[in-house]
């Protein structure tokens, strides 16, 4: 079997959403809990960007970690653990001519880091 055989029952849009969702889920579960400080936040954003960009069909990644929350939550040791409410991420996925943007951001009303399809 080749790769297309596994996805022949999906439209390009559905496949792009699938790839974005898989990548977003792996990002969340891989990096939440990572120790982070104001000194290391930029390198963590780059590490998340570079690792997720390796995933199939991902053509762009924008990662922002809320530095104010890092400062607020840092203890006497000068760091905290990354939490879902600190993440603001946009993944752009492309399958053939179909492009999808998958996001995660903290929703104050829901009090939850929600993943959704933006476009």
N, C-alpha and C. Protein backbone atom coordinates (compact mmCIF):
# COMPACT_ATOMS: atom_id res chain seq x y z
N UNK A 1 0.84 -1.19 0.00
CA UNK A 1 0.00 0.00 0.00
C UNK A 1 0.88 1.25 0.00
N UNK A 2 0.42 2.27 -0.69
CA UNK A 2 1.12 3.55 -0.59
C UNK A 2 0.30 4.49 0.30
N UNK A 3 0.85 5.65 0.58
CA UNK A 3 0.22 6.59 1.52
C UNK A 3 -1.21 6.95 1.12
N UNK A 4 -1.44 7.19 -0.15
CA UNK A 4 -2.77 7.58 -0.61
C UNK A 4 -3.82 6.51 -0.33
N UNK A 5 -3.42 5.24 -0.36
CA UNK A 5 -4.36 4.16 -0.10
C UNK A 5 -4.98 4.26 1.29
N UNK A 6 -4.25 4.78 2.25
CA UNK A 6 -4.76 4.90 3.61
C UNK A 6 -5.78 6.03 3.76
N UNK A 7 -5.75 6.97 2.86
CA UNK A 7 -6.60 8.15 2.98
C UNK A 7 -7.56 8.32 1.80
N UNK A 8 -7.77 7.28 1.01
CA UNK A 8 -8.60 7.41 -0.19
C UNK A 8 -10.07 7.71 0.12
N UNK A 9 -10.50 7.46 1.35
CA UNK A 9 -11.89 7.75 1.72
C UNK A 9 -12.07 9.15 2.29
N UNK A 10 -11.01 9.99 2.26
CA UNK A 10 -11.08 11.34 2.78
C UNK A 10 -10.94 12.36 1.66
N UNK A 11 -11.64 13.49 1.80
CA UNK A 11 -11.40 14.61 0.90
C UNK A 11 -10.07 15.27 1.30
N UNK A 12 -9.55 16.13 0.47
CA UNK A 12 -8.33 16.85 0.82
C UNK A 12 -8.53 17.70 2.07
N UNK A 13 -9.71 18.31 2.21
CA UNK A 13 -10.01 19.11 3.40
C UNK A 13 -10.02 18.23 4.65
N UNK A 14 -10.68 17.10 4.57
CA UNK A 14 -10.72 16.18 5.72
C UNK A 14 -9.32 15.69 6.08
N UNK A 15 -8.51 15.40 5.10
CA UNK A 15 -7.14 14.94 5.36
C UNK A 15 -6.31 16.05 5.99
N UNK A 16 -6.48 17.29 5.52
CA UNK A 16 -5.75 18.43 6.10
C UNK A 16 -6.16 18.63 7.56
N UNK A 17 -7.47 18.51 7.84
CA UNK A 17 -7.94 18.62 9.21
C UNK A 17 -7.38 17.49 10.06
N UNK A 18 -7.37 16.28 9.53
CA UNK A 18 -6.82 15.13 10.24
C UNK A 18 -5.35 15.37 10.60
N UNK A 19 -4.55 15.78 9.63
CA UNK A 19 -3.12 16.01 9.87
C UNK A 19 -2.91 17.14 10.88
N UNK A 20 -3.71 18.22 10.78
CA UNK A 20 -3.61 19.31 11.73
C UNK A 20 -3.99 18.87 13.14
N UNK A 21 -5.05 18.09 13.25
CA UNK A 21 -5.49 17.60 14.57
C UNK A 21 -4.49 16.67 15.21
N UNK A 22 -3.94 15.76 14.42
CA UNK A 22 -2.92 14.84 14.95
C UNK A 22 -1.71 15.64 15.43
N UNK A 23 -1.27 16.59 14.64
CA UNK A 23 -0.10 17.39 15.01
C UNK A 23 -0.38 18.25 16.24
N UNK A 24 -1.56 18.85 16.32
CA UNK A 24 -1.91 19.68 17.47
C UNK A 24 -1.98 18.83 18.74
N UNK A 25 -2.57 17.65 18.65
CA UNK A 25 -2.64 16.76 19.81
C UNK A 25 -1.27 16.32 20.27
N UNK A 26 -0.39 16.00 19.33
CA UNK A 26 0.95 15.58 19.73
C UNK A 26 1.72 16.74 20.35
N UNK A 27 1.55 17.94 19.79
CA UNK A 27 2.20 19.13 20.36
C UNK A 27 1.75 19.32 21.81
N UNK A 28 0.45 19.31 22.03
CA UNK A 28 -0.08 19.56 23.36
C UNK A 28 0.43 18.53 24.37
N UNK A 29 0.31 17.27 24.02
CA UNK A 29 0.66 16.22 24.98
C UNK A 29 2.17 16.00 25.11
N UNK A 30 2.92 16.42 24.13
CA UNK A 30 4.37 16.31 24.21
C UNK A 30 4.99 17.43 25.05
N UNK A 31 4.48 18.65 24.91
CA UNK A 31 5.17 19.79 25.51
C UNK A 31 4.56 20.31 26.81
N UNK A 32 3.27 20.09 27.05
CA UNK A 32 2.69 20.53 28.32
C UNK A 32 3.40 19.79 29.45
N UNK A 33 3.84 20.54 30.44
CA UNK A 33 4.63 19.98 31.54
C UNK A 33 6.11 20.26 31.43
N UNK A 34 6.53 20.78 30.28
CA UNK A 34 7.94 21.11 30.08
C UNK A 34 8.33 22.28 30.99
N UNK A 35 9.45 22.16 31.69
CA UNK A 35 9.92 23.30 32.49
C UNK A 35 10.23 24.49 31.57
N UNK A 36 9.81 25.69 31.99
CA UNK A 36 10.02 26.87 31.17
C UNK A 36 10.21 28.09 32.07
N UNK A 37 11.07 28.98 31.63
CA UNK A 37 11.31 30.25 32.33
C UNK A 37 11.32 31.36 31.29
N UNK A 38 11.41 32.58 31.77
CA UNK A 38 11.50 33.70 30.82
C UNK A 38 12.80 33.62 30.02
N UNK A 39 13.82 32.98 30.56
CA UNK A 39 15.09 32.82 29.84
C UNK A 39 15.02 31.75 28.76
N UNK A 40 14.12 30.77 28.92
CA UNK A 40 14.08 29.63 27.98
C UNK A 40 12.85 29.62 27.08
N UNK A 41 11.93 30.56 27.28
CA UNK A 41 10.66 30.52 26.54
C UNK A 41 10.87 30.61 25.04
N UNK A 42 11.77 31.44 24.57
CA UNK A 42 11.99 31.58 23.13
C UNK A 42 12.53 30.28 22.54
N UNK A 43 13.47 29.65 23.23
CA UNK A 43 14.00 28.39 22.71
C UNK A 43 12.94 27.29 22.72
N UNK A 44 12.00 27.31 23.68
CA UNK A 44 10.92 26.34 23.70
C UNK A 44 9.95 26.60 22.54
N UNK A 45 9.64 27.87 22.27
CA UNK A 45 8.79 28.20 21.12
C UNK A 45 9.42 27.69 19.83
N UNK A 46 10.72 27.87 19.68
CA UNK A 46 11.44 27.40 18.48
C UNK A 46 11.43 25.88 18.41
N UNK A 47 11.64 25.21 19.53
CA UNK A 47 11.64 23.74 19.55
C UNK A 47 10.27 23.19 19.15
N UNK A 48 9.21 23.80 19.67
CA UNK A 48 7.86 23.37 19.30
C UNK A 48 7.65 23.60 17.81
N UNK A 49 7.98 24.78 17.34
CA UNK A 49 7.84 25.11 15.92
C UNK A 49 8.57 24.11 15.04
N UNK A 50 9.85 23.90 15.32
CA UNK A 50 10.67 23.05 14.46
C UNK A 50 10.23 21.59 14.49
N UNK A 51 9.82 21.10 15.65
CA UNK A 51 9.41 19.69 15.72
C UNK A 51 8.07 19.45 15.04
N UNK A 52 7.12 20.37 15.19
CA UNK A 52 5.81 20.19 14.57
C UNK A 52 5.88 20.40 13.06
N UNK A 53 6.78 21.26 12.61
CA UNK A 53 6.94 21.49 11.18
C UNK A 53 7.41 20.23 10.45
N UNK A 54 7.96 19.27 11.16
CA UNK A 54 8.39 18.01 10.56
C UNK A 54 7.22 17.09 10.22
N UNK A 55 6.07 17.32 10.82
CA UNK A 55 4.91 16.44 10.63
C UNK A 55 4.38 16.55 9.20
N UNK A 56 3.77 15.44 8.71
CA UNK A 56 3.25 15.44 7.33
C UNK A 56 2.24 16.56 7.10
N UNK A 57 2.38 17.24 5.98
CA UNK A 57 1.45 18.23 5.47
C UNK A 57 1.48 19.56 6.22
N UNK A 58 2.25 19.70 7.29
CA UNK A 58 2.34 20.97 8.01
C UNK A 58 3.27 21.89 7.22
N UNK A 59 2.75 23.06 6.83
CA UNK A 59 3.57 23.98 6.04
C UNK A 59 3.95 25.24 6.80
N UNK A 60 3.28 25.50 7.93
CA UNK A 60 3.63 26.67 8.73
C UNK A 60 3.18 26.44 10.17
N UNK A 61 3.96 26.96 11.10
CA UNK A 61 3.66 26.85 12.53
C UNK A 61 3.97 28.20 13.17
N UNK A 62 3.04 28.71 13.94
CA UNK A 62 3.24 29.94 14.70
C UNK A 62 2.97 29.61 16.17
N UNK A 63 4.00 29.75 17.00
CA UNK A 63 3.90 29.39 18.42
C UNK A 63 4.20 30.62 19.28
N UNK A 64 3.29 30.93 20.19
CA UNK A 64 3.52 31.98 21.18
C UNK A 64 3.17 31.40 22.54
N UNK A 65 4.07 31.57 23.48
CA UNK A 65 3.84 31.15 24.86
C UNK A 65 3.69 32.42 25.69
N UNK A 66 2.65 32.48 26.50
CA UNK A 66 2.33 33.65 27.30
C UNK A 66 3.38 33.89 28.38
N UNK A 67 4.24 34.86 28.15
CA UNK A 67 5.35 35.16 29.06
C UNK A 67 4.85 35.71 30.41
N UNK A 68 3.74 36.44 30.38
CA UNK A 68 3.17 36.95 31.63
C UNK A 68 2.75 35.81 32.55
N UNK A 69 2.20 34.75 31.97
CA UNK A 69 1.81 33.60 32.80
C UNK A 69 3.04 32.86 33.34
N UNK A 70 4.10 32.85 32.57
CA UNK A 70 5.35 32.24 33.07
C UNK A 70 5.83 33.01 34.30
N UNK A 71 5.86 34.32 34.18
CA UNK A 71 6.29 35.16 35.31
C UNK A 71 5.38 34.96 36.50
N UNK A 72 4.07 35.00 36.25
CA UNK A 72 3.09 34.86 37.33
C UNK A 72 3.21 33.51 38.06
N UNK A 73 3.48 32.45 37.30
CA UNK A 73 3.49 31.10 37.88
C UNK A 73 4.86 30.61 38.31
N UNK A 74 5.90 31.37 38.03
CA UNK A 74 7.25 30.92 38.40
C UNK A 74 7.44 30.99 39.91
N UNK A 75 8.02 29.94 40.43
CA UNK A 75 8.28 29.87 41.86
C UNK A 75 9.64 30.43 42.21
N UNK A 76 10.10 30.14 43.40
CA UNK A 76 11.38 30.65 43.89
C UNK A 76 12.56 30.13 43.07
N UNK A 77 12.35 29.03 42.36
CA UNK A 77 13.43 28.48 41.52
C UNK A 77 13.53 29.18 40.17
N UNK A 78 12.58 30.07 39.87
CA UNK A 78 12.67 30.87 38.66
C UNK A 78 12.07 30.24 37.42
N UNK A 79 11.29 29.18 37.57
CA UNK A 79 10.64 28.58 36.41
C UNK A 79 9.32 27.98 36.81
N UNK A 80 8.57 27.55 35.82
CA UNK A 80 7.29 26.87 36.03
C UNK A 80 7.18 25.79 34.97
N UNK A 81 6.09 25.07 34.97
CA UNK A 81 5.81 24.08 33.93
C UNK A 81 4.84 24.66 32.92
N UNK A 82 5.08 24.40 31.66
CA UNK A 82 4.19 24.85 30.60
C UNK A 82 2.81 24.24 30.80
N UNK A 83 1.79 25.08 30.69
CA UNK A 83 0.41 24.61 30.79
C UNK A 83 -0.35 25.02 29.53
N UNK A 84 -1.48 24.38 29.31
CA UNK A 84 -2.26 24.64 28.10
C UNK A 84 -2.71 26.08 27.97
N UNK A 85 -2.95 26.75 29.10
CA UNK A 85 -3.42 28.13 29.02
C UNK A 85 -2.32 29.10 28.58
N UNK A 86 -1.09 28.65 28.53
CA UNK A 86 0.03 29.49 28.08
C UNK A 86 0.21 29.45 26.57
N UNK A 87 -0.42 28.49 25.90
CA UNK A 87 -0.17 28.25 24.49
C UNK A 87 -1.12 29.02 23.57
N UNK A 88 -0.55 29.59 22.54
CA UNK A 88 -1.30 30.17 21.43
C UNK A 88 -0.58 29.68 20.18
N UNK A 89 -1.19 28.73 19.47
CA UNK A 89 -0.52 28.06 18.36
C UNK A 89 -1.45 28.02 17.15
N UNK A 90 -0.86 28.26 15.97
CA UNK A 90 -1.57 28.12 14.69
C UNK A 90 -0.74 27.21 13.80
N UNK A 91 -1.36 26.14 13.31
CA UNK A 91 -0.72 25.23 12.37
C UNK A 91 -1.41 25.36 11.02
N UNK A 92 -0.64 25.52 9.98
CA UNK A 92 -1.21 25.54 8.63
C UNK A 92 -0.87 24.22 7.96
N UNK A 93 -1.91 23.53 7.50
CA UNK A 93 -1.78 22.22 6.88
C UNK A 93 -2.26 22.32 5.44
N UNK A 94 -1.52 21.67 4.53
CA UNK A 94 -1.92 21.71 3.12
C UNK A 94 -1.88 20.30 2.53
N UNK A 95 -2.99 19.93 1.93
CA UNK A 95 -3.10 18.69 1.16
C UNK A 95 -3.56 19.10 -0.24
N UNK A 96 -2.71 18.83 -1.21
CA UNK A 96 -2.95 19.26 -2.59
C UNK A 96 -3.26 20.76 -2.59
N UNK A 97 -4.43 21.18 -2.98
CA UNK A 97 -4.74 22.61 -3.03
C UNK A 97 -5.56 23.08 -1.83
N UNK A 98 -5.83 22.22 -0.86
CA UNK A 98 -6.67 22.57 0.28
C UNK A 98 -5.78 22.91 1.48
N UNK A 99 -5.97 24.11 2.03
CA UNK A 99 -5.20 24.58 3.17
C UNK A 99 -6.14 24.79 4.35
N UNK A 100 -5.71 24.32 5.52
CA UNK A 100 -6.50 24.41 6.75
C UNK A 100 -5.62 25.03 7.84
N UNK A 101 -6.21 25.85 8.71
CA UNK A 101 -5.50 26.40 9.86
C UNK A 101 -6.14 25.82 11.12
N UNK A 102 -5.32 25.13 11.91
CA UNK A 102 -5.74 24.53 13.17
C UNK A 102 -5.11 25.34 14.30
N UNK A 103 -5.87 25.64 15.34
CA UNK A 103 -5.38 26.51 16.41
C UNK A 103 -5.61 25.91 17.78
N UNK A 104 -4.83 26.40 18.73
CA UNK A 104 -5.12 26.21 20.14
C UNK A 104 -4.90 27.56 20.81
N UNK A 105 -5.86 27.94 21.62
CA UNK A 105 -5.72 29.14 22.44
C UNK A 105 -6.61 28.98 23.67
N UNK A 106 -6.26 29.72 24.70
CA UNK A 106 -7.02 29.62 25.94
C UNK A 106 -8.27 30.47 25.83
N UNK A 107 -9.42 29.86 26.12
CA UNK A 107 -10.69 30.56 26.11
C UNK A 107 -11.08 30.87 27.54
N UNK A 108 -11.08 32.15 27.89
CA UNK A 108 -11.40 32.58 29.26
C UNK A 108 -12.80 32.15 29.68
N UNK A 109 -13.76 32.30 28.76
CA UNK A 109 -15.14 31.94 29.08
C UNK A 109 -15.27 30.46 29.41
N UNK A 110 -14.62 29.62 28.61
CA UNK A 110 -14.66 28.17 28.85
C UNK A 110 -13.68 27.73 29.93
N UNK A 111 -12.70 28.60 30.22
CA UNK A 111 -11.59 28.27 31.12
C UNK A 111 -10.91 26.98 30.66
N UNK A 112 -10.55 26.99 29.36
CA UNK A 112 -10.04 25.77 28.74
C UNK A 112 -9.18 26.12 27.54
N UNK A 113 -8.06 25.41 27.33
CA UNK A 113 -7.26 25.59 26.11
C UNK A 113 -7.93 24.83 24.96
N UNK A 114 -8.67 25.54 24.13
CA UNK A 114 -9.48 24.91 23.10
C UNK A 114 -8.73 24.76 21.78
N UNK A 115 -8.86 23.59 21.17
CA UNK A 115 -8.33 23.36 19.83
C UNK A 115 -9.48 23.48 18.84
N UNK A 116 -9.23 24.16 17.71
CA UNK A 116 -10.30 24.38 16.75
C UNK A 116 -9.74 24.61 15.37
N UNK A 117 -10.62 24.51 14.37
CA UNK A 117 -10.26 24.80 12.98
C UNK A 117 -10.64 26.26 12.73
N UNK A 118 -9.63 27.07 12.42
CA UNK A 118 -9.87 28.49 12.18
C UNK A 118 -10.36 28.75 10.76
N UNK A 119 -9.79 28.05 9.81
CA UNK A 119 -10.09 28.33 8.41
C UNK A 119 -10.08 27.04 7.62
